[in-house]
């Protein structure tokens, strides 16, 4: 037979700690996603500049790094679920 936890007992403290831990992970994931989107925005600017007449040698590296950022964003979103 298991004892039922009383309100305000140790199990409610554990639940609050788990919830706080989940929010910490969520905030960390959101921060990383904002940084990755910022990097992708810069890479998009570089790619558009190269496409419109700037240095074309940056198009492929910008696309590769952007794809890596996209993959990292997808992985972070899967982790946050």
PDB file of N, CA and C in Angstrom:
ATOM      1  N   UNK A   1       0.851  -1.164   0.000  1.00  0.00           N
ATOM      2  CA  UNK A   1       0.000   0.000   0.000  1.00  0.00           C
ATOM      3  C   UNK A   1       0.903   1.236   0.000  1.00  0.00           C
ATOM      4  N   UNK A   2       0.589   2.181  -0.857  1.00  0.00           N
ATOM      5  CA  UNK A   2       1.394   3.399  -0.920  1.00  0.00           C
ATOM      6  C   UNK A   2       0.655   4.535  -0.228  1.00  0.00           C
ATOM      7  N   UNK A   3       1.428   5.365   0.385  1.00  0.00           N
ATOM      8  CA  UNK A   3       0.834   6.508   1.078  1.00  0.00           C
ATOM      9  C   UNK A   3       0.555   7.610   0.072  1.00  0.00           C
ATOM     10  N   UNK A   4      -0.575   8.269   0.236  1.00  0.00           N
ATOM     11  CA  UNK A   4      -0.883   9.385  -0.651  1.00  0.00           C
ATOM     12  C   UNK A   4      -0.163  10.619  -0.131  1.00  0.00           C
ATOM     13  N   UNK A   5       0.457  11.366  -1.054  1.00  0.00           N
ATOM     14  CA  UNK A   5       1.179  12.556  -0.591  1.00  0.00           C
ATOM     15  C   UNK A   5       0.201  13.619  -0.113  1.00  0.00           C
ATOM     16  N   UNK A   6       0.594  14.283   0.926  1.00  0.00           N
ATOM     17  CA  UNK A   6      -0.264  15.347   1.434  1.00  0.00           C
ATOM     18  C   UNK A   6       0.045  16.647   0.698  1.00  0.00           C
ATOM     19  N   UNK A   7      -0.934  17.530   0.577  1.00  0.00           N
ATOM     20  CA  UNK A   7      -0.698  18.793  -0.137  1.00  0.00           C
ATOM     21  C   UNK A   7       0.419  19.583   0.528  1.00  0.00           C
ATOM     22  N   UNK A   8       1.288  20.107  -0.298  1.00  0.00           N
ATOM     23  CA  UNK A   8       2.393  20.904   0.223  1.00  0.00           C
ATOM     24  C   UNK A   8       3.551  20.057   0.715  1.00  0.00           C
ATOM     25  N   UNK A   9       3.462  18.746   0.525  1.00  0.00           N
ATOM     26  CA  UNK A   9       4.517  17.855   0.980  1.00  0.00           C
ATOM     27  C   UNK A   9       5.668  17.810  -0.004  1.00  0.00           C
ATOM     28  N   UNK A  10       6.576  16.870   0.203  1.00  0.00           N
ATOM     29  CA  UNK A  10       7.755  16.789  -0.645  1.00  0.00           C
ATOM     30  C   UNK A  10       7.449  16.506  -2.117  1.00  0.00           C
ATOM     31  N   UNK A  11       6.372  15.791  -2.396  1.00  0.00           N
ATOM     32  CA  UNK A  11       6.089  15.475  -3.795  1.00  0.00           C
ATOM     33  C   UNK A  11       5.679  16.728  -4.569  1.00  0.00           C
ATOM     34  N   UNK A  12       5.008  17.682  -3.926  1.00  0.00           N
ATOM     35  CA  UNK A  12       4.659  18.910  -4.631  1.00  0.00           C
ATOM     36  C   UNK A  12       5.901  19.757  -4.879  1.00  0.00           C
ATOM     37  N   UNK A  13       6.887  19.692  -3.969  1.00  0.00           N
ATOM     38  CA  UNK A  13       8.153  20.383  -4.207  1.00  0.00           C
ATOM     39  C   UNK A  13       8.886  19.758  -5.381  1.00  0.00           C
ATOM     40  N   UNK A  14       8.834  18.436  -5.481  1.00  0.00           N
ATOM     41  CA  UNK A  14       9.464  17.750  -6.612  1.00  0.00           C
ATOM     42  C   UNK A  14       8.795  18.134  -7.921  1.00  0.00           C
ATOM     43  N   UNK A  15       7.482  18.237  -7.908  1.00  0.00           N
ATOM     44  CA  UNK A  15       6.752  18.606  -9.122  1.00  0.00           C
ATOM     45  C   UNK A  15       7.108  20.022  -9.547  1.00  0.00           C
ATOM     46  N   UNK A  16       7.212  20.927  -8.586  1.00  0.00           N
ATOM     47  CA  UNK A  16       7.606  22.306  -8.903  1.00  0.00           C
ATOM     48  C   UNK A  16       9.024  22.349  -9.462  1.00  0.00           C
ATOM     49  N   UNK A  17       9.913  21.549  -8.912  1.00  0.00           N
ATOM     50  CA  UNK A  17      11.295  21.517  -9.393  1.00  0.00           C
ATOM     51  C   UNK A  17      11.364  20.961 -10.816  1.00  0.00           C
ATOM     52  N   UNK A  18      10.572  19.922 -11.094  1.00  0.00           N
ATOM     53  CA  UNK A  18      10.548  19.372 -12.453  1.00  0.00           C
ATOM     54  C   UNK A  18       9.995  20.391 -13.442  1.00  0.00           C
ATOM     55  N   UNK A  19       8.938  21.098 -13.037  1.00  0.00           N
ATOM     56  CA  UNK A  19       8.361  22.108 -13.916  1.00  0.00           C
ATOM     57  C   UNK A  19       9.350  23.243 -14.170  1.00  0.00           C
ATOM     58  N   UNK A  20      10.052  23.671 -13.144  1.00  0.00           N
ATOM     59  CA  UNK A  20      11.061  24.721 -13.311  1.00  0.00           C
ATOM     60  C   UNK A  20      12.174  24.241 -14.236  1.00  0.00           C
ATOM     61  N   UNK A  21      12.552  22.976 -14.123  1.00  0.00           N
ATOM     62  CA  UNK A  21      13.574  22.417 -15.011  1.00  0.00           C
ATOM     63  C   UNK A  21      13.116  22.388 -16.451  1.00  0.00           C
ATOM     64  N   UNK A  22      11.835  22.066 -16.665  1.00  0.00           N
ATOM     65  CA  UNK A  22      11.295  22.055 -18.031  1.00  0.00           C
ATOM     66  C   UNK A  22      11.283  23.456 -18.629  1.00  0.00           C
ATOM     67  N   UNK A  23      10.934  24.451 -17.822  1.00  0.00           N
ATOM     68  CA  UNK A  23      10.944  25.827 -18.320  1.00  0.00           C
ATOM     69  C   UNK A  23      12.360  26.292 -18.624  1.00  0.00           C
ATOM     70  N   UNK A  24      13.327  25.865 -17.830  1.00  0.00           N
ATOM     71  CA  UNK A  24      14.712  26.226 -18.097  1.00  0.00           C
ATOM     72  C   UNK A  24      15.159  25.667 -19.441  1.00  0.00           C
ATOM     73  N   UNK A  25      14.819  24.417 -19.699  1.00  0.00           N
ATOM     74  CA  UNK A  25      15.168  23.801 -20.985  1.00  0.00           C
ATOM     75  C   UNK A  25      14.452  24.514 -22.118  1.00  0.00           C
ATOM     76  N   UNK A  26      13.188  24.845 -21.925  1.00  0.00           N
ATOM     77  CA  UNK A  26      12.423  25.535 -22.960  1.00  0.00           C
ATOM     78  C   UNK A  26      13.031  26.894 -23.279  1.00  0.00           C
ATOM     79  N   UNK A  27      13.412  27.653 -22.261  1.00  0.00           N
ATOM     80  CA  UNK A  27      14.028  28.964 -22.490  1.00  0.00           C
ATOM     81  C   UNK A  27      15.377  28.823 -23.188  1.00  0.00           C
ATOM     82  N   UNK A  28      16.142  27.801 -22.849  1.00  0.00           N
ATOM     83  CA  UNK A  28      17.428  27.580 -23.510  1.00  0.00           C
ATOM     84  C   UNK A  28      17.223  27.239 -24.984  1.00  0.00           C
ATOM     85  N   UNK A  29      16.233  26.402 -25.268  1.00  0.00           N
ATOM     86  CA  UNK A  29      15.941  26.038 -26.656  1.00  0.00           C
ATOM     87  C   UNK A  29      15.477  27.260 -27.435  1.00  0.00           C
ATOM     88  N   UNK A  30      14.610  28.079 -26.848  1.00  0.00           N
ATOM     89  CA  UNK A  30      14.132  29.280 -27.534  1.00  0.00           C
ATOM     90  C   UNK A  30      15.284  30.244 -27.819  1.00  0.00           C
ATOM     91  N   UNK A  31      16.207  30.394 -26.872  1.00  0.00           N
ATOM     92  CA  UNK A  31      17.354  31.273 -27.077  1.00  0.00           C
ATOM     93  C   UNK A  31      18.226  30.766 -28.215  1.00  0.00           C
ATOM     94  N   UNK A  32      18.479  29.478 -28.245  1.00  0.00           N
ATOM     95  CA  UNK A  32      19.279  28.900 -29.328  1.00  0.00           C
ATOM     96  C   UNK A  32      18.576  29.065 -30.673  1.00  0.00           C
ATOM     97  N   UNK A  33      17.267  28.902 -30.695  1.00  0.00           N
ATOM     98  CA  UNK A  33      16.521  29.070 -31.940  1.00  0.00           C
ATOM     99  C   UNK A  33      16.590  30.508 -32.440  1.00  0.00           C
ATOM    100  N   UNK A  34      16.500  31.470 -31.545  1.00  0.00           N
ATOM    101  CA  UNK A  34      16.605  32.880 -31.943  1.00  0.00           C
ATOM    102  C   UNK A  34      17.984  33.151 -32.532  1.00  0.00           C
ATOM    103  N   UNK A  35      19.030  32.610 -31.911  1.00  0.00           N
ATOM    104  CA  UNK A  35      20.378  32.789 -32.443  1.00  0.00           C
ATOM    105  C   UNK A  35      20.535  32.137 -33.814  1.00  0.00           C
ATOM    106  N   UNK A  36      19.995  30.937 -33.981  1.00  0.00           N
ATOM    107  CA  UNK A  36      20.088  30.256 -35.273  1.00  0.00           C
ATOM    108  C   UNK A  36      19.322  31.002 -36.362  1.00  0.00           C
ATOM    109  N   UNK A  37      18.165  31.543 -36.025  1.00  0.00           N
ATOM    110  CA  UNK A  37      17.398  32.313 -37.006  1.00  0.00           C
ATOM    111  C   UNK A  37      18.158  33.587 -37.371  1.00  0.00           C
ATOM    112  N   UNK A  38      18.813  34.210 -36.410  1.00  0.00           N
ATOM    113  CA  UNK A  38      19.637  35.392 -36.696  1.00  0.00           C
ATOM    114  C   UNK A  38      20.790  35.066 -37.629  1.00  0.00           C
ATOM    115  N   UNK A  39      21.445  33.943 -37.389  1.00  0.00           N
ATOM    116  CA  UNK A  39      22.538  33.519 -38.277  1.00  0.00           C
ATOM    117  C   UNK A  39      22.000  33.238 -39.679  1.00  0.00           C
ATOM    118  N   UNK A  40      20.839  32.600 -39.762  1.00  0.00           N
ATOM    119  CA  UNK A  40      20.256  32.327 -41.078  1.00  0.00           C
ATOM    120  C   UNK A  40      19.872  33.622 -41.796  1.00  0.00           C
ATOM    121  N   UNK A  41      19.439  34.606 -41.056  1.00  0.00           N
ATOM    122  CA  UNK A  41      19.096  35.896 -41.666  1.00  0.00           C
ATOM    123  C   UNK A  41      20.343  36.536 -42.268  1.00  0.00           C
ATOM    124  N   UNK A  42      21.456  36.482 -41.547  1.00  0.00           N
ATOM    125  CA  UNK A  42      22.722  37.025 -42.063  1.00  0.00           C
ATOM    126  C   UNK A  42      23.162  36.237 -43.298  1.00  0.00           C
ATOM    127  N   UNK A  43      23.048  34.912 -43.234  1.00  0.00           N
ATOM    128  CA  UNK A  43      23.424  34.093 -44.385  1.00  0.00           C
ATOM    129  C   UNK A  43      22.534  34.368 -45.593  1.00  0.00           C
ATOM    130  N   UNK A  44      21.260  34.619 -45.356  1.00  0.00           N
ATOM    131  CA  UNK A  44      20.361  34.978 -46.451  1.00  0.00           C
ATOM    132  C   UNK A  44      20.795  36.290 -47.094  1.00  0.00           C
ATOM    133  N   UNK A  45      21.176  37.248 -46.276  1.00  0.00           N
ATOM    134  CA  UNK A  45      21.655  38.534 -46.802  1.00  0.00           C
ATOM    135  C   UNK A  45      22.906  38.348 -47.647  1.00  0.00           C
ATOM    136  N   UNK A  46      23.818  37.497 -47.187  1.00  0.00           N
ATOM    137  CA  UNK A  46      25.047  37.225 -47.941  1.00  0.00           C
ATOM    138  C   UNK A  46      24.713  36.529 -49.260  1.00  0.00           C
ATOM    139  N   UNK A  47      23.805  35.564 -49.205  1.00  0.00           N
ATOM    140  CA  UNK A  47      23.445  34.833 -50.421  1.00  0.00           C
ATOM    141  C   UNK A  47      22.746  35.738 -51.437  1.00  0.00           C
ATOM    142  N   UNK A  48      21.866  36.592 -50.978  1.00  0.00           N
ATOM    143  CA  UNK A  48      21.179  37.507 -51.900  1.00  0.00           C
ATOM    144  C   UNK A  48      22.173  38.483 -52.506  1.00  0.00           C
ATOM    145  N   UNK A  49      23.100  38.981 -51.699  1.00  0.00           N
ATOM    146  CA  UNK A  49      24.123  39.888 -52.205  1.00  0.00           C
ATOM    147  C   UNK A  49      24.970  39.187 -53.265  1.00  0.00           C
ATOM    148  N   UNK A  50      25.351  37.940 -53.005  1.00  0.00           N
ATOM    149  CA  UNK A  50      26.134  37.201 -53.993  1.00  0.00           C
ATOM    150  C   UNK A  50      25.343  36.918 -55.258  1.00  0.00           C
ATOM    151  N   UNK A  51      24.079  36.636 -55.110  1.00  0.00           N
ATOM    152  CA  UNK A  51      23.240  36.345 -56.271  1.00  0.00           C
ATOM    153  C   UNK A  51      23.013  37.580 -57.127  1.00  0.00           C
ATOM    154  N   UNK A  52      22.937  38.736 -56.495  1.00  0.00           N
ATOM    155  CA  UNK A  52      22.647  39.977 -57.229  1.00  0.00           C
ATOM    156  C   UNK A  52      23.890  40.674 -57.760  1.00  0.00           C
ATOM    157  N   UNK A  53      25.023  40.011 -57.704  1.00  0.00           N
ATOM    158  CA  UNK A  53      26.195  40.612 -58.335  1.00  0.00           C
ATOM    159  C   UNK A  53      27.408  40.715 -57.441  1.00  0.00           C
ATOM    160  N   UNK A  54      27.303  40.299 -56.224  1.00  0.00           N
ATOM    161  CA  UNK A  54      28.454  40.333 -55.328  1.00  0.00           C
ATOM    162  C   UNK A  54      29.336  39.114 -55.551  1.00  0.00           C
ATOM    163  N   UNK A  55      30.132  38.778 -54.572  1.00  0.00           N
ATOM    164  CA  UNK A  55      31.021  37.609 -54.715  1.00  0.00           C
ATOM    165  C   UNK A  55      30.233  36.301 -54.747  1.00  0.00           C
ATOM    166  N   UNK A  56      30.271  35.621 -55.873  1.00  0.00           N
ATOM    167  CA  UNK A  56      29.508  34.377 -56.034  1.00  0.00           C
ATOM    168  C   UNK A  56      30.136  33.196 -55.310  1.00  0.00           C
ATOM    169  N   UNK A  57      31.383  33.342 -54.890  1.00  0.00           N
ATOM    170  CA  UNK A  57      32.042  32.222 -54.211  1.00  0.00           C
ATOM    171  C   UNK A  57      31.485  31.989 -52.811  1.00  0.00           C
ATOM    172  N   UNK A  58      30.629  32.872 -52.329  1.00  0.00           N
ATOM    173  CA  UNK A  58      30.031  32.703 -50.999  1.00  0.00           C
ATOM    174  C   UNK A  58      28.667  32.018 -51.037  1.00  0.00           C
ATOM    175  N   UNK A  59      28.132  31.787 -52.222  1.00  0.00           N
ATOM    176  CA  UNK A  59      26.788  31.215 -52.313  1.00  0.00           C
ATOM    177  C   UNK A  59      26.717  29.790 -51.761  1.00  0.00           C
ATOM    178  N   UNK A  60      27.623  28.933 -52.177  1.00  0.00           N
ATOM    179  CA  UNK A  60      27.580  27.538 -51.732  1.00  0.00           C
ATOM    180  C   UNK A  60      27.874  27.406 -50.238  1.00  0.00           C
ATOM    181  N   UNK A  61      28.931  28.063 -49.709  1.00  0.00           N
ATOM    182  CA  UNK A  61      29.148  27.961 -48.255  1.00  0.00           C
ATOM    183  C   UNK A  61      27.976  28.516 -47.440  1.00  0.00           C
ATOM    184  N   UNK A  62      27.365  29.598 -47.906  1.00  0.00           N
ATOM    185  CA  UNK A  62      26.219  30.161 -47.188  1.00  0.00           C
ATOM    186  C   UNK A  62      25.049  29.187 -47.199  1.00  0.00           C
ATOM    187  N   UNK A  63      24.835  28.513 -48.325  1.00  0.00           N
ATOM    188  CA  UNK A  63      23.745  27.533 -48.405  1.00  0.00           C
ATOM    189  C   UNK A  63      24.022  26.334 -47.499  1.00  0.00           C
ATOM    190  N   UNK A  64      25.269  25.886 -47.453  1.00  0.00           N
ATOM    191  CA  UNK A  64      25.613  24.737 -46.609  1.00  0.00           C
ATOM    192  C   UNK A  64      25.430  25.079 -45.135  1.00  0.00           C
ATOM    193  N   UNK A  65      25.930  26.236 -44.711  1.00  0.00           N
ATOM    194  CA  UNK A  65      25.807  26.625 -43.304  1.00  0.00           C
ATOM    195  C   UNK A  65      24.342  26.876 -42.956  1.00  0.00           C
ATOM    196  N   UNK A  66      23.581  27.436 -43.883  1.00  0.00           N
ATOM    197  CA  UNK A  66      22.158  27.644 -43.643  1.00  0.00           C
ATOM    198  C   UNK A  66      21.431  26.313 -43.486  1.00  0.00           C
ATOM    199  N   UNK A  67      21.800  25.325 -44.283  1.00  0.00           N
ATOM    200  CA  UNK A  67      21.191  23.997 -44.145  1.00  0.00           C
ATOM    201  C   UNK A  67      21.552  23.385 -42.795  1.00  0.00           C
ATOM    202  N   UNK A  68      22.781  23.579 -42.342  1.00  0.00           N
ATOM    203  CA  UNK A  68      23.183  23.085 -41.023  1.00  0.00           C
ATOM    204  C   UNK A  68      22.400  23.784 -39.911  1.00  0.00           C
ATOM    205  N   UNK A  69      22.184  25.083 -40.054  1.00  0.00           N
ATOM    206  CA  UNK A  69      21.380  25.817 -39.067  1.00  0.00           C
ATOM    207  C   UNK A  69      19.939  25.319 -39.060  1.00  0.00           C
ATOM    208  N   UNK A  70      19.415  25.022 -40.232  1.00  0.00           N
ATOM    209  CA  UNK A  70      18.052  24.497 -40.333  1.00  0.00           C
ATOM    210  C   UNK A  70      17.960  23.131 -39.649  1.00  0.00           C
ATOM    211  N   UNK A  71      18.955  22.286 -39.878  1.00  0.00           N
ATOM    212  CA  UNK A  71      18.969  20.968 -39.245  1.00  0.00           C
ATOM    213  C   UNK A  71      19.084  21.091 -37.728  1.00  0.00           C
ATOM    214  N   UNK A  72      19.909  22.025 -37.261  1.00  0.00           N
ATOM    215  CA  UNK A  72      20.056  22.235 -35.821  1.00  0.00           C
ATOM    216  C   UNK A  72      18.761  22.761 -35.211  1.00  0.00           C
ATOM    217  N   UNK A  73      18.077  23.646 -35.925  1.00  0.00           N
ATOM    218  CA  UNK A  73      16.793  24.160 -35.435  1.00  0.00           C
ATOM    219  C   UNK A  73      15.767  23.042 -35.338  1.00  0.00           C
ATOM    220  N   UNK A  74      15.727  22.196 -36.360  1.00  0.00           N
ATOM    221  CA  UNK A  74      14.793  21.073 -36.346  1.00  0.00           C
ATOM    222  C   UNK A  74      15.086  20.148 -35.178  1.00  0.00           C
ATOM    223  N   UNK A  75      16.368  19.887 -34.951  1.00  0.00           N
ATOM    224  CA  UNK A  75      16.766  19.002 -33.847  1.00  0.00           C
ATOM    225  C   UNK A  75      16.389  19.617 -32.491  1.00  0.00           C
ATOM    226  N   UNK A  76      16.587  20.913 -32.341  1.00  0.00           N
ATOM    227  CA  UNK A  76      16.203  21.582 -31.091  1.00  0.00           C
ATOM    228  C   UNK A  76      14.698  21.513 -30.857  1.00  0.00           C
ATOM    229  N   UNK A  77      13.929  21.707 -31.917  1.00  0.00           N
ATOM    230  CA  UNK A  77      12.479  21.630 -31.775  1.00  0.00           C
ATOM    231  C   UNK A  77      12.039  20.216 -31.390  1.00  0.00           C
ATOM    232  N   UNK A  78      12.672  19.206 -31.955  1.00  0.00           N
ATOM    233  CA  UNK A  78      12.361  17.829 -31.591  1.00  0.00           C
ATOM    234  C   UNK A  78      12.747  17.552 -30.133  1.00  0.00           C
ATOM    235  N   UNK A  79      13.862  18.149 -29.688  1.00  0.00           N
ATOM    236  CA  UNK A  79      14.317  17.960 -28.306  1.00  0.00           C
ATOM    237  C   UNK A  79      13.354  18.613 -27.323  1.00  0.00           C
ATOM    238  N   UNK A  80      12.782  19.752 -27.697  1.00  0.00           N
ATOM    239  CA  UNK A  80      11.918  20.503 -26.785  1.00  0.00           C
ATOM    240  C   UNK A  80      10.559  19.840 -26.601  1.00  0.00           C
ATOM    241  N   UNK A  81      10.177  18.950 -27.491  1.00  0.00           N
ATOM    242  CA  UNK A  81       8.870  18.283 -27.349  1.00  0.00           C
ATOM    243  C   UNK A  81       8.848  17.499 -26.134  1.00  0.00           C
TER     244      UNK A  81
END
